[in-house]
C-alpha atoms as a PDB file:
ATOM      1  CA  MET A   1     -38.855  23.599   0.704  1.00  0.00           C
ATOM      2  CA  ALA A   2     -35.173  24.530   0.999  1.00  0.00           C
ATOM      3  CA  LEU A   3     -33.173  22.823   3.691  1.00  0.00           C
ATOM      4  CA  PRO A   4     -31.578  25.078   6.342  1.00  0.00           C
ATOM      5  CA  VAL A   5     -27.884  25.843   5.953  1.00  0.00           C
ATOM      6  CA  HIS A   6     -25.566  25.800   8.958  1.00  0.00           C
ATOM      7  CA  ASN A   7     -24.203  29.273   9.637  1.00  0.00           C
ATOM      8  CA  GLU A   8     -21.385  28.067  11.865  1.00  0.00           C
ATOM      9  CA  VAL A   9     -17.968  27.297  10.436  1.00  0.00           C
ATOM     10  CA  LEU A  10     -17.411  23.711   9.317  1.00  0.00           C
ATOM     11  CA  THR A  11     -14.334  22.421  11.179  1.00  0.00           C
ATOM     12  CA  PRO A  12     -12.551  19.052  11.207  1.00  0.00           C
ATOM     13  CA  LYS A  13     -14.131  18.357  14.608  1.00  0.00           C
ATOM     14  CA  LYS A  14     -17.583  18.437  13.010  1.00  0.00           C
ATOM     15  CA  LEU A  15     -16.559  15.965  10.291  1.00  0.00           C
ATOM     16  CA  PRO A  16     -16.910  12.182  10.535  1.00  0.00           C
ATOM     17  CA  LYS A  17     -13.979  10.292  12.051  1.00  0.00           C
ATOM     18  CA  LEU A  18     -11.125  10.483   9.552  1.00  0.00           C
ATOM     19  CA  PRO A  19      -8.074   8.247   8.980  1.00  0.00           C
ATOM     20  CA  LYS A  20      -4.925   9.486  10.713  1.00  0.00           C
ATOM     21  CA  SER A  21      -2.545   8.182   8.043  1.00  0.00           C
ATOM     22  CA  TRP A  22      -2.380   6.345   4.729  1.00  0.00           C
ATOM     23  CA  SER A  23      -1.975   3.214   6.855  1.00  0.00           C
ATOM     24  CA  GLU A  24      -5.591   3.477   8.032  1.00  0.00           C
ATOM     25  CA  LEU A  25      -7.195   3.670   4.578  1.00  0.00           C
ATOM     26  CA  SER A  26      -9.388   0.861   3.310  1.00  0.00           C
ATOM     27  CA  TRP A  27      -8.968  -0.446  -0.239  1.00  0.00           C
ATOM     28  CA  GLN A  28     -11.722   1.849  -1.585  1.00  0.00           C
ATOM     29  CA  GLN A  29     -10.430   4.900   0.307  1.00  0.00           C
ATOM     30  CA  LEU A  30      -6.903   4.210  -0.928  1.00  0.00           C
ATOM     31  CA  LEU A  31      -8.173   3.980  -4.488  1.00  0.00           C
ATOM     32  CA  ASP A  32     -10.154   7.237  -4.144  1.00  0.00           C
ATOM     33  CA  CYS A  33      -7.228   9.134  -2.614  1.00  0.00           C
ATOM     34  CA  TRP A  34      -4.765   7.969  -5.246  1.00  0.00           C
ATOM     35  CA  GLN A  35      -7.131   8.828  -8.068  1.00  0.00           C
ATOM     36  CA  VAL A  36      -7.447  12.469  -6.960  1.00  0.00           C
ATOM     37  CA  LYS A  37      -3.713  12.618  -6.201  1.00  0.00           C
ATOM     38  CA  MET A  38      -2.929  11.532  -9.750  1.00  0.00           C
ATOM     39  CA  ARG A  39      -5.692  13.657 -11.297  1.00  0.00           C
ATOM     40  CA  TYR A  40      -4.479  16.950  -9.822  1.00  0.00           C
ATOM     41  CA  GLY A  41      -0.780  16.233 -10.201  1.00  0.00           C
ATOM     42  CA  GLY A  42       1.384  18.636  -8.205  1.00  0.00           C
ATOM     43  CA  ASN A  43      -1.532  20.738  -6.919  1.00  0.00           C
ATOM     44  CA  GLN A  44      -1.538  19.216  -3.449  1.00  0.00           C
ATOM     45  CA  ASP A  45      -4.076  21.702  -2.038  1.00  0.00           C
ATOM     46  CA  VAL A  46      -6.722  20.762  -4.593  1.00  0.00           C
ATOM     47  CA  ALA A  47      -5.946  17.034  -4.367  1.00  0.00           C
ATOM     48  CA  ARG A  48      -6.103  17.142  -0.563  1.00  0.00           C
ATOM     49  CA  ALA A  49      -9.449  18.982  -0.622  1.00  0.00           C
ATOM     50  CA  ALA A  50     -10.856  16.460  -3.105  1.00  0.00           C
ATOM     51  CA  ALA A  51      -9.624  13.604  -0.894  1.00  0.00           C
ATOM     52  CA  LEU A  52     -11.346  15.162   2.113  1.00  0.00           C
ATOM     53  CA  LEU A  53     -14.639  15.386   0.234  1.00  0.00           C
ATOM     54  CA  SER A  54     -14.322  11.733  -0.760  1.00  0.00           C
ATOM     55  CA  LEU A  55     -13.369  10.488   2.719  1.00  0.00           C
ATOM     56  CA  CYS A  56     -16.238  12.440   4.324  1.00  0.00           C
ATOM     57  CA  ARG A  57     -18.661  11.462   1.566  1.00  0.00           C
ATOM     58  CA  LEU A  58     -19.324  15.151   0.971  1.00  0.00           C
ATOM     59  CA  GLU A  59     -20.643  16.245  -2.396  1.00  0.00           C
ATOM     60  CA  PRO A  60     -22.018  19.458  -3.941  1.00  0.00           C
ATOM     61  CA  SER A  61     -25.688  19.842  -3.080  1.00  0.00           C
ATOM     62  CA  ARG A  62     -28.135  19.774  -5.993  1.00  0.00           C
ATOM     63  CA  GLN A  63     -30.327  22.242  -4.139  1.00  0.00           C
ATOM     64  CA  ASN A  64     -27.924  25.129  -4.704  1.00  0.00           C
ATOM     65  CA  ARG A  65     -24.745  24.092  -6.419  1.00  0.00           C
ATOM     66  CA  GLU A  66     -23.000  27.454  -6.211  1.00  0.00           C
ATOM     67  CA  ALA A  67     -23.541  30.695  -4.340  1.00  0.00           C
ATOM     68  CA  HIS A  68     -21.524  33.778  -3.426  1.00  0.00           C
ATOM     69  CA  ASP A  69     -20.632  35.308  -0.103  1.00  0.00           C
ATOM     70  CA  PRO A  70     -22.716  38.536   0.147  1.00  0.00           C
ATOM     71  CA  VAL A  71     -19.824  40.388   1.813  1.00  0.00           C
ATOM     72  CA  THR A  72     -16.684  39.240  -0.022  1.00  0.00           C
ATOM     73  CA  GLY A  73     -18.301  38.058  -3.248  1.00  0.00           C
ATOM     74  CA  GLU A  74     -16.212  34.879  -3.032  1.00  0.00           C
ATOM     75  CA  ALA A  75     -17.760  31.756  -4.541  1.00  0.00           C
ATOM     76  CA  THR A  76     -19.165  29.381  -1.943  1.00  0.00           C
ATOM     77  CA  TYR A  77     -20.517  25.887  -2.215  1.00  0.00           C
ATOM     78  CA  LEU A  78     -23.260  24.122  -0.328  1.00  0.00           C
ATOM     79  CA  LEU A  79     -22.001  20.717   0.674  1.00  0.00           C
ATOM     80  CA  ARG A  80     -24.145  17.889   1.976  1.00  0.00           C
ATOM     81  CA  ASP A  81     -22.499  15.623   4.563  1.00  0.00           C
ATOM     82  CA  HIS A  82     -23.324  11.984   5.298  1.00  0.00           C
ATOM     83  CA  ASP A  83     -26.067  13.027   7.767  1.00  0.00           C
ATOM     84  CA  GLY A  84     -27.799  15.154   5.134  1.00  0.00           C
ATOM     85  CA  ALA A  85     -26.840  18.461   6.747  1.00  0.00           C
ATOM     86  CA  LEU A  86     -25.763  21.333   4.515  1.00  0.00           C
ATOM     87  CA  TRP A  87     -22.639  23.433   4.992  1.00  0.00           C
ATOM     88  CA  GLN A  88     -21.588  26.537   3.096  1.00  0.00           C
ATOM     89  CA  VAL A  89     -17.835  26.796   2.528  1.00  0.00           C
ATOM     90  CA  THR A  90     -15.490  28.670   0.214  1.00  0.00           C
ATOM     91  CA  PRO A  91     -12.756  26.827  -1.694  1.00  0.00           C
ATOM     92  CA  ARG A  92     -10.216  28.542   0.543  1.00  0.00           C
ATOM     93  CA  GLU A  93     -11.977  27.319   3.693  1.00  0.00           C
ATOM     94  CA  LEU A  94     -12.203  23.812   2.269  1.00  0.00           C
ATOM     95  CA  SER A  95      -8.470  23.844   1.483  1.00  0.00           C
ATOM     96  CA  GLN A  96      -7.589  25.056   4.995  1.00  0.00           C
ATOM     97  CA  MET A  97      -9.828  22.452   6.591  1.00  0.00           C
ATOM     98  CA  ALA A  98      -8.290  19.662   4.475  1.00  0.00           C
ATOM     99  CA  LEU A  99      -4.810  20.784   5.526  1.00  0.00           C
ATOM    100  CA  GLN A 100      -5.810  20.464   9.194  1.00  0.00           C
ATOM    101  CA  ALA A 101      -7.768  17.235   8.790  1.00  0.00           C
ATOM    102  CA  LEU A 102      -5.364  15.349   6.484  1.00  0.00           C
ATOM    103  CA  PRO A 103      -1.802  16.370   7.442  1.00  0.00           C
ATOM    104  CA  TRP A 104      -0.593  12.945   6.293  1.00  0.00           C
ATOM    105  CA  PHE A 105      -1.834  13.299   2.702  1.00  0.00           C
ATOM    106  CA  ASP A 106       1.508  14.576   1.359  1.00  0.00           C
ATOM    107  CA  TRP A 107       3.364  11.521   2.683  1.00  0.00           C
ATOM    108  CA  PRO A 108       1.926   8.397   0.971  1.00  0.00           C
ATOM    109  CA  TYR A 109       5.037   6.296   1.633  1.00  0.00           C
ATOM    110  CA  GLY A 110       5.373   7.194   5.282  1.00  0.00           C
ATOM    111  CA  ASP A 111       5.263  10.434   7.234  1.00  0.00           C
ATOM    112  CA  PRO A 112       8.789  11.269   8.508  1.00  0.00           C
ATOM    113  CA  GLY A 113       7.252  13.240  11.354  1.00  0.00           C
ATOM    114  CA  GLU A 114       8.181  16.695  12.612  1.00  0.00           C
ATOM    115  CA  THR A 115       9.971  18.097  15.614  1.00  0.00           C
ATOM    116  CA  ALA A 116       8.183  20.652  17.783  1.00  0.00           C
ATOM    117  CA  GLN A 117       8.389  24.256  16.587  1.00  0.00           C
ATOM    118  CA  LYS A 118       9.175  26.938  19.176  1.00  0.00           C
ATOM    119  CA  ASP A 119       9.083  30.729  19.209  1.00  0.00           C
ATOM    120  CA  ASP A 120      11.937  33.004  20.271  1.00  0.00           C
ATOM    121  CA  LYS A 121      11.042  32.483  23.940  1.00  0.00           C
ATOM    122  CA  GLY A 122      11.155  28.689  23.638  1.00  0.00           C
ATOM    123  CA  THR A 123       7.406  28.227  23.847  1.00  0.00           C
ATOM    124  CA  VAL A 124       6.068  25.371  21.721  1.00  0.00           C
ATOM    125  CA  ILE A 125       3.861  26.867  19.011  1.00  0.00           C
ATOM    126  CA  LYS A 126       3.392  23.646  17.051  1.00  0.00           C
ATOM    127  CA  GLU A 127       3.372  20.208  18.638  1.00  0.00           C
ATOM    128  CA  PRO A 128       5.674  17.486  17.238  1.00  0.00           C
ATOM    129  CA  ARG A 129       4.175  14.968  14.815  1.00  0.00           C
ATOM    130  CA  ASP A 130       5.092  11.308  15.192  1.00  0.00           C
ATOM    131  CA  PRO A 131       6.382   9.429  12.129  1.00  0.00           C
ATOM    132  CA  VAL A 132       3.885   7.076  10.504  1.00  0.00           C
ATOM    133  CA  HIS A 133       4.548   4.012   8.365  1.00  0.00           C
ATOM    134  CA  GLY A 134       3.003   4.304   4.898  1.00  0.00           C
ATOM    135  CA  TYR A 135       1.246   1.003   4.502  1.00  0.00           C
ATOM    136  CA  VAL A 136      -2.347  -0.176   4.297  1.00  0.00           C
ATOM    137  CA  SER A 137      -3.595  -1.274   7.701  1.00  0.00           C
ATOM    138  CA  ASP A 138      -6.261  -3.748   6.618  1.00  0.00           C
ATOM    139  CA  MET A 139      -3.579  -5.751   4.815  1.00  0.00           C
ATOM    140  CA  HIS A 140      -2.927  -7.337   8.236  1.00  0.00           C
ATOM    141  CA  ASP A 141      -6.252  -9.146   7.842  1.00  0.00           C
ATOM    142  CA  ALA A 142      -5.690 -10.059   4.206  1.00  0.00           C
ATOM    143  CA  MET A 143      -4.920 -13.692   5.006  1.00  0.00           C
ATOM    144  CA  ILE A 144      -8.628 -14.241   5.708  1.00  0.00           C
ATOM    145  CA  LEU A 145     -10.040 -12.096   2.903  1.00  0.00           C
ATOM    146  CA  PRO A 146     -12.110 -13.934   0.273  1.00  0.00           C
ATOM    147  CA  ARG A 147     -10.576 -14.137  -3.178  1.00  0.00           C
ATOM    148  CA  GLN A 148     -11.076 -10.822  -4.945  1.00  0.00           C
ATOM    149  CA  GLU A 149     -10.330  -9.989  -8.551  1.00  0.00           C
ATOM    150  CA  LEU A 150      -9.399  -6.946 -10.598  1.00  0.00           C
ATOM    151  CA  GLU A 151      -9.807  -6.534 -14.351  1.00  0.00           C
ATOM    152  CA  VAL A 152      -7.339  -4.392 -16.292  1.00  0.00           C
ATOM    153  CA  GLY A 153      -7.438  -4.172 -20.080  1.00  0.00           C
ATOM    154  CA  GLY A 154      -9.644  -7.229 -20.295  1.00  0.00           C
ATOM    155  CA  VAL A 155      -7.195  -9.326 -18.234  1.00  0.00           C
ATOM    156  CA  LEU A 156      -8.119 -10.660 -14.798  1.00  0.00           C
ATOM    157  CA  PHE A 157      -5.715 -10.237 -11.860  1.00  0.00           C
ATOM    158  CA  ALA A 158      -5.900 -10.872  -8.129  1.00  0.00           C
ATOM    159  CA  LEU A 159      -6.335  -7.709  -6.048  1.00  0.00           C
ATOM    160  CA  PRO A 160      -3.027  -6.507  -4.533  1.00  0.00           C
ATOM    161  CA  GLN A 161      -3.891  -7.632  -0.982  1.00  0.00           C
ATOM    162  CA  MET A 162      -4.491 -11.190  -2.134  1.00  0.00           C
ATOM    163  CA  ALA A 163      -1.535 -11.113  -4.525  1.00  0.00           C
ATOM    164  CA  CYS A 164       0.875 -10.102  -1.742  1.00  0.00           C
ATOM    165  CA  ASN A 165      -0.168 -13.028   0.401  1.00  0.00           C
ATOM    166  CA  ASN A 166       0.177 -15.483  -2.478  1.00  0.00           C
ATOM    167  CA  LEU A 167       3.685 -14.460  -3.499  1.00  0.00           C
ATOM    168  CA  THR A 168       6.129 -17.170  -4.395  1.00  0.00           C
ATOM    169  CA  TRP A 169       9.639 -16.985  -2.986  1.00  0.00           C
ATOM    170  CA  GLN A 170      10.904 -16.020  -6.463  1.00  0.00           C
ATOM    171  CA  GLN A 171       8.443 -13.115  -6.754  1.00  0.00           C
ATOM    172  CA  TYR A 172       9.377 -11.923  -3.283  1.00  0.00           C
ATOM    173  CA  ARG A 173      13.079 -11.953  -4.147  1.00  0.00           C
ATOM    174  CA  SER A 174      12.429  -9.962  -7.329  1.00  0.00           C
ATOM    175  CA  LEU A 175      10.316  -7.403  -5.461  1.00  0.00           C
ATOM    176  CA  GLN A 176      12.990  -7.029  -2.755  1.00  0.00           C
ATOM    177  CA  THR A 177      15.482  -6.152  -5.493  1.00  0.00           C
ATOM    178  CA  LEU A 178      13.121  -3.779  -7.328  1.00  0.00           C
ATOM    179  CA  ALA A 179      11.614  -1.876  -4.385  1.00  0.00           C
ATOM    180  CA  PRO A 180      14.650   0.323  -3.542  1.00  0.00           C
ATOM    181  CA  MET A 181      14.968   1.439  -7.182  1.00  0.00           C
ATOM    182  CA  LEU A 182      11.357   2.461  -7.829  1.00  0.00           C
ATOM    183  CA  PHE A 183      11.613   6.105  -6.748  1.00  0.00           C
ATOM    184  CA  GLN A 184      15.111   7.121  -7.830  1.00  0.00           C
ATOM    185  CA  GLU A 185      15.291  10.848  -8.523  1.00  0.00           C
ATOM    186  CA  ASP A 186      18.163  10.631 -11.021  1.00  0.00           C
ATOM    187  CA  ALA A 187      16.650   7.862 -13.193  1.00  0.00           C
ATOM    188  CA  SER A 188      15.244   8.596 -16.651  1.00  0.00           C
ATOM    189  CA  ASP A 189      11.501   8.465 -17.284  1.00  0.00           C
ATOM    190  CA  ASP A 190      11.969   5.417 -19.488  1.00  0.00           C
ATOM    191  CA  ASP A 191      13.940   3.585 -16.796  1.00  0.00           C
ATOM    192  CA  ILE A 192      11.299   4.407 -14.174  1.00  0.00           C
ATOM    193  CA  LEU A 193       8.556   3.222 -16.538  1.00  0.00           C
ATOM    194  CA  SER A 194      10.380  -0.077 -17.033  1.00  0.00           C
ATOM    195  CA  LEU A 195      10.870  -0.545 -13.281  1.00  0.00           C
ATOM    196  CA  HIS A 196       7.206   0.160 -12.549  1.00  0.00           C
ATOM    197  CA  ALA A 197       6.116  -2.285 -15.260  1.00  0.00           C
ATOM    198  CA  GLU A 198       8.481  -4.935 -13.845  1.00  0.00           C
ATOM    199  CA  PHE A 199       7.114  -4.349 -10.332  1.00  0.00           C
ATOM    200  CA  LEU A 200       3.501  -4.738 -11.475  1.00  0.00           C
ATOM    201  CA  SER A 201       4.388  -7.863 -13.427  1.00  0.00           C
ATOM    202  CA  GLN A 202       5.783  -9.451 -10.255  1.00  0.00           C
ATOM    203  CA  ILE A 203       3.082  -8.415  -7.809  1.00  0.00           C
ATOM    204  CA  LEU A 204      -0.077  -8.866  -9.921  1.00  0.00           C
ATOM    205  CA  VAL A 205      -0.324 -12.273 -11.569  1.00  0.00           C
ATOM    206  CA  PRO A 206      -2.799 -12.730 -14.448  1.00  0.00           C
ATOM    207  CA  ALA A 207      -5.468 -15.359 -13.963  1.00  0.00           C
ATOM    208  CA  ARG A 208      -5.594 -18.685 -15.742  1.00  0.00           C
ATOM    209  CA  ASP A 209      -8.812 -20.643 -16.013  1.00  0.00           C
ATOM    210  CA  LYS A 210      -8.777 -23.911 -14.112  1.00  0.00           C
ATOM    211  CA  ALA A 211      -9.431 -26.941 -16.277  1.00  0.00           C
ATOM    212  CA  ASP A 212     -11.624 -28.699 -13.728  1.00  0.00           C
ATOM    213  CA  HIS A 213     -14.809 -26.859 -12.664  1.00  0.00           C
ATOM    214  CA  ALA A 214     -16.448 -29.889 -11.044  1.00  0.00           C
ATOM    215  CA  ASP A 215     -16.320 -28.305  -7.573  1.00  0.00           C
ATOM    216  CA  ARG A 216     -18.635 -25.275  -7.751  1.00  0.00           C
ATOM    217  CA  PHE A 217     -17.181 -23.938  -4.476  1.00  0.00           C
ATOM    218  CA  ALA A 218     -13.584 -23.992  -5.726  1.00  0.00           C
ATOM    219  CA  PRO A 219     -12.059 -20.852  -7.322  1.00  0.00           C
ATOM    220  CA  LYS A 220     -12.522 -20.764 -11.090  1.00  0.00           C
ATOM    221  CA  HIS A 221      -9.162 -19.101 -11.678  1.00  0.00           C
ATOM    222  CA  ASP A 222      -5.563 -19.829 -10.771  1.00  0.00           C
ATOM    223  CA  PHE A 223      -3.277 -16.885  -9.930  1.00  0.00           C
ATOM    224  CA  THR A 224      -0.063 -18.885  -9.567  1.00  0.00           C
ATOM    225  CA  TYR A 225       3.057 -17.089 -10.792  1.00  0.00           C
ATOM    226  CA  ASN A 226       4.302 -18.366 -14.148  1.00  0.00           C
ATOM    227  CA  THR A 227       7.898 -17.491 -15.121  1.00  0.00           C
ATOM    228  CA  ASP A 228       7.175 -18.350 -18.758  1.00  0.00           C
ATOM    229  CA  ARG A 229       4.767 -15.393 -19.002  1.00  0.00           C
ATOM    230  CA  ALA A 230       6.998 -12.859 -17.195  1.00  0.00           C
ATOM    231  CA  GLU A 231       8.233 -10.915 -20.244  1.00  0.00           C
ATOM    232  CA  GLN A 232       4.764 -10.866 -21.774  1.00  0.00           C
ATOM    233  CA  THR A 233       3.302  -9.468 -18.530  1.00  0.00           C
ATOM    234  CA  VAL A 234       5.982  -6.742 -18.296  1.00  0.00           C
ATOM    235  CA  ALA A 235       5.110  -5.616 -21.831  1.00  0.00           C
ATOM    236  CA  PHE A 236       1.400  -5.591 -20.896  1.00  0.00           C
ATOM    237  CA  TRP A 237       1.977  -3.262 -17.916  1.00  0.00           C
ATOM    238  CA  ARG A 238       4.440  -1.043 -19.753  1.00  0.00           C
ATOM    239  CA  GLU A 239       1.844  -0.402 -22.451  1.00  0.00           C
ATOM    240  CA  ARG A 240      -0.835   0.474 -19.884  1.00  0.00           C
ATOM    241  CA  LEU A 241       1.444   2.738 -17.863  1.00  0.00           C
ATOM    242  CA  THR A 242       1.792   4.945 -20.945  1.00  0.00           C
ATOM    243  CA  GLU A 243      -1.996   5.269 -21.338  1.00  0.00           C
ATOM    244  CA  ALA A 244      -4.144   8.111 -20.001  1.00  0.00           C
ATOM    245  CA  PRO A 245      -4.667   8.131 -16.181  1.00  0.00           C
ATOM    246  CA  THR A 246      -8.323   7.109 -16.555  1.00  0.00           C
ATOM    247  CA  ALA A 247      -7.948   4.715 -19.479  1.00  0.00           C
ATOM    248  CA  GLU A 248      -9.555   1.759 -17.737  1.00  0.00           C
ATOM    249  CA  PRO A 249     -13.373   1.497 -17.621  1.00  0.00           C
ATOM    250  CA  SER A 250     -13.128   0.832 -13.870  1.00  0.00           C
ATOM    251  CA  GLY A 251     -11.178   4.056 -13.379  1.00  0.00           C
ATOM    252  CA  THR A 252      -8.231   2.115 -11.967  1.00  0.00           C
ATOM    253  CA  ALA A 253      -5.454   3.046 -14.377  1.00  0.00           C
ATOM    254  CA  ALA A 254      -2.125   1.248 -14.149  1.00  0.00           C
ATOM    255  CA  ALA A 255      -0.426   4.406 -12.845  1.00  0.00           C
ATOM    256  CA  VAL A 256      -2.810   4.503  -9.875  1.00  0.00           C
ATOM    257  CA  LEU A 257      -2.668   0.747  -9.433  1.00  0.00           C
ATOM    258  CA  PHE A 258       1.131   0.810  -9.212  1.00  0.00           C
ATOM    259  CA  HIS A 259       1.067   3.080  -6.134  1.00  0.00           C
ATOM    260  CA  ILE A 260      -1.667   1.012  -4.489  1.00  0.00           C
ATOM    261  CA  CYS A 261       0.333  -2.163  -5.160  1.00  0.00           C
ATOM    262  CA  PHE A 262       3.471  -0.613  -3.697  1.00  0.00           C
ATOM    263  CA  GLN A 263       1.630   0.304  -0.508  1.00  0.00           C
ATOM    264  CA  CYS A 264       0.188  -3.203  -0.282  1.00  0.00           C
ATOM    265  CA  TYR A 265       3.707  -4.586  -0.749  1.00  0.00           C
ATOM    266  CA  GLN A 266       5.024  -2.368   2.060  1.00  0.00           C
ATOM    267  CA  THR A 267       2.262  -3.614   4.294  1.00  0.00           C
ATOM    268  CA  ALA A 268       2.898  -7.257   3.423  1.00  0.00           C
ATOM    269  CA  ILE A 269       6.566  -6.858   4.374  1.00  0.00           C
ATOM    270  CA  ALA A 270       5.569  -5.122   7.624  1.00  0.00           C
ATOM    271  CA  TYR A 271       3.153  -7.991   8.307  1.00  0.00           C
ATOM    272  CA  TYR A 272       5.849 -10.611   7.745  1.00  0.00           C
ATOM    273  CA  ALA A 273       8.275  -8.592   9.891  1.00  0.00           C
ATOM    274  CA  GLN A 274       5.808  -8.855  12.770  1.00  0.00           C
ATOM    275  CA  THR A 275       5.137 -12.537  12.155  1.00  0.00           C
ATOM    276  CA  TYR A 276       8.801 -13.509  11.686  1.00  0.00           C
ATOM    277  CA  PRO A 277      10.849 -11.087  13.822  1.00  0.00           C
ATOM    278  CA  LEU A 278      13.926 -13.344  13.616  1.00  0.00           C
ATOM    279  CA  LEU A 279      14.022 -12.936   9.821  1.00  0.00           C
ATOM    280  CA  PHE A 280      13.352  -9.214   9.471  1.00  0.00           C
ATOM    281  CA  SER A 281      14.351  -5.986  11.154  1.00  0.00           C
ATOM    282  CA  ASP A 282      11.698  -4.200  13.243  1.00  0.00           C
ATOM    283  CA  ASP A 283      10.443  -1.990  10.411  1.00  0.00           C
ATOM    284  CA  GLY A 284      10.440  -4.801   7.860  1.00  0.00           C
ATOM    285  CA  LYS A 285      12.677  -2.851   5.505  1.00  0.00           C
ATOM    286  CA  LYS A 286      15.794  -4.969   5.950  1.00  0.00           C
ATOM    287  CA  ASP A 287      15.869  -8.671   5.180  1.00  0.00           C
ATOM    288  CA  LYS A 288      18.373 -10.360   7.504  1.00  0.00           C
ATOM    289  CA  MET A 289      18.291 -13.568   5.449  1.00  0.00           C
ATOM    290  CA  LYS A 290      19.011 -11.887   2.103  1.00  0.00           C
ATOM    291  CA  ASP A 291      22.800 -12.286   2.023  1.00  0.00           C
ATOM    292  CA  ALA A 292      22.701 -15.804   3.402  1.00  0.00           C
ATOM    293  CA  LEU A 293      20.192 -17.011   0.831  1.00  0.00           C
ATOM    294  CA  GLN A 294      21.799 -15.285  -2.119  1.00  0.00           C
ATOM    295  CA  GLY A 295      25.347 -16.254  -1.233  1.00  0.00           C
ATOM    296  CA  GLU A 296      25.058 -19.723   0.267  1.00  0.00           C
ATOM    297  CA  VAL A 297      23.694 -22.623  -1.735  1.00  0.00           C
ATOM    298  CA  GLY A 298      23.813 -24.600   1.502  1.00  0.00           C
ATOM    299  CA  THR A 299      20.895 -22.621   2.917  1.00  0.00           C
ATOM    300  CA  ILE A 300      18.735 -23.442  -0.095  1.00  0.00           C
ATOM    301  CA  ASN A 301      19.750 -27.068   0.225  1.00  0.00           C
ATOM    302  CA  THR A 302      18.681 -27.033   3.869  1.00  0.00           C
ATOM    303  CA  ILE A 303      15.261 -25.689   2.891  1.00  0.00           C
ATOM    304  CA  MET A 304      15.016 -28.468   0.291  1.00  0.00           C
ATOM    305  CA  LYS A 305      15.780 -31.006   2.997  1.00  0.00           C
ATOM    306  CA  TYR A 306      13.121 -29.613   5.365  1.00  0.00           C
ATOM    307  CA  ALA A 307      10.508 -29.420   2.581  1.00  0.00           C
ATOM    308  CA  GLY A 308      11.406 -32.729   0.919  1.00  0.00           C
ATOM    309  CA  TYR A 309      12.198 -31.039  -2.409  1.00  0.00           C
ATOM    310  CA  ALA A 310      14.310 -32.642  -5.117  1.00  0.00           C
ATOM    311  CA  GLU A 311      15.178 -29.452  -7.059  1.00  0.00           C
ATOM    312  CA  GLN A 312      16.229 -25.926  -6.045  1.00  0.00           C
ATOM    313  CA  GLN A 313      13.591 -24.351  -8.322  1.00  0.00           C
ATOM    314  CA  GLN A 314      10.909 -25.872  -6.090  1.00  0.00           C
ATOM    315  CA  VAL A 315      12.073 -23.547  -3.306  1.00  0.00           C
ATOM    316  CA  TYR A 316      11.627 -20.485  -5.532  1.00  0.00           C
ATOM    317  CA  ASP A 317       8.219 -21.684  -6.727  1.00  0.00           C
ATOM    318  CA  SER A 318       6.975 -22.222  -3.154  1.00  0.00           C
ATOM    319  CA  ASN A 319       4.500 -19.962  -1.373  1.00  0.00           C
ATOM    320  CA  LEU A 320       6.367 -17.279   0.593  1.00  0.00           C
ATOM    321  CA  PRO A 321       4.859 -18.028   4.065  1.00  0.00           C
ATOM    322  CA  PHE A 322       5.774 -21.711   3.623  1.00  0.00           C
ATOM    323  CA  VAL A 323       9.435 -20.844   3.024  1.00  0.00           C
ATOM    324  CA  LEU A 324       9.429 -18.245   5.808  1.00  0.00           C
ATOM    325  CA  ASP A 325       8.054 -20.847   8.243  1.00  0.00           C
ATOM    326  CA  ILE A 326      11.015 -23.105   7.463  1.00  0.00           C
ATOM    327  CA  LEU A 327      13.533 -20.254   7.693  1.00  0.00           C
ATOM    328  CA  ASN A 328      11.993 -19.131  10.975  1.00  0.00           C
ATOM    329  CA  MET A 329      12.336 -22.654  12.382  1.00  0.00           C
ATOM    330  CA  MET A 330      15.972 -22.752  11.233  1.00  0.00           C
ATOM    331  CA  ALA A 331      16.621 -19.354  12.847  1.00  0.00           C
ATOM    332  CA  LYS A 332      15.072 -20.502  16.137  1.00  0.00           C
ATOM    333  CA  GLU A 333      17.194 -23.647  16.144  1.00  0.00           C
ATOM    334  CA  ALA A 334      20.329 -21.606  15.445  1.00  0.00           C
ATOM    335  CA  LYS A 335      19.453 -19.215  18.273  1.00  0.00           C
ATOM    336  CA  GLU A 336      18.859 -22.099  20.686  1.00  0.00           C
ATOM    337  CA  ILE A 337      22.201 -23.673  19.766  1.00  0.00           C
ATOM    338  CA  GLU A 338      23.921 -20.300  20.221  1.00  0.00           C
ATOM    339  CA  ALA A 339      22.317 -19.886  23.659  1.00  0.00           C
ATOM    340  CA  MET A 340      23.284 -23.438  24.656  1.00  0.00           C
ATOM    341  CA  ASN A 341      26.906 -22.881  23.592  1.00  0.00           C
ATOM    342  CA  ALA A 342      26.955 -19.645  25.575  1.00  0.00           C
ATOM    343  CA  ARG A 343      25.750 -21.482  28.703  1.00  0.00           C
ATOM    344  CA  ILE A 344      28.382 -24.218  28.247  1.00  0.00           C
ATOM    345  CA  LYS A 345      31.092 -21.594  27.796  1.00  0.00           C
ATOM    346  CA  SER A 346      29.889 -19.770  30.888  1.00  0.00           C
ATOM    347  CA  LYS A 347      30.039 -22.951  32.999  1.00  0.00           C
ATOM    348  CA  LYS A 348      33.592 -23.684  31.837  1.00  0.00           C
ATOM    349  CA  HIS A 349      34.734 -20.258  33.002  1.00  0.00           C
ATOM    350  CA  HIS A 350      33.222 -20.872  36.445  1.00  0.00           C
END
């Protein structure tokens, strides 16, 4: 017996609750959206419609895969939603609905927003759209995620969320240098390829088996950054970035993985900006400590003193949050001293 088809128009209001930005996507949703974005290239309308189908868990119904509108003759498709209900829509209707439901889809690295549009009489005909940061929201909870792994080309890596929260200070410094160069419009394809491979080599560390497996509850693999393998890892990613978009058995090609990793990196920086407001600007894009740490050996020496290190390289090999905790403490002390000096100066004037 055929299931009844809804005659009313399928609108975004009838769809399940949808993300309002790239920042609200889960890992799986982010992967799905990037796969269709890469698959359809510059055809944003088709990619957006495919993303909507994925996010709503809509799929062509087996009952009647394709039909035609009796009036216009336009091809229509019966789509089954997550409740099992069927909807008949044309590709044009699906595209229009996706445009309304996913206005953020064209801005994966942050929606710059829009000012209100007015007609000749000054009446608002389109409401303003607030800017949205382009980072993955569930990264904020990544500190408590269980260890998760990703296999690419037979090599095991930590998933980007976990990798971002296990960065060493040296990796973080490299990523801070690379990030502004990743989307240059005037760079050659070969230069961009090299930059993307370098970025992946810094943010996704290949696993090494642990020698001691006596503790069955302990992780079997170590994802600690190893400078000795850096060049080898860059070559690995460069090779995979030149492969077909769906070269990996898992469907997660390096080209897709790069964009996911970049969004996870953005989110990690935004997370640290919230956790350490004295060290970062509000949006997390500017690192207030960058010049001091690159230009003053004394700052590194101070970190060594706090941490009890004997060599400078130990600072760069340390876990990022550990170093940030020390820097944050130093910044607080400096601020307290500054405030105390201001009070003393004020008393002298009175």
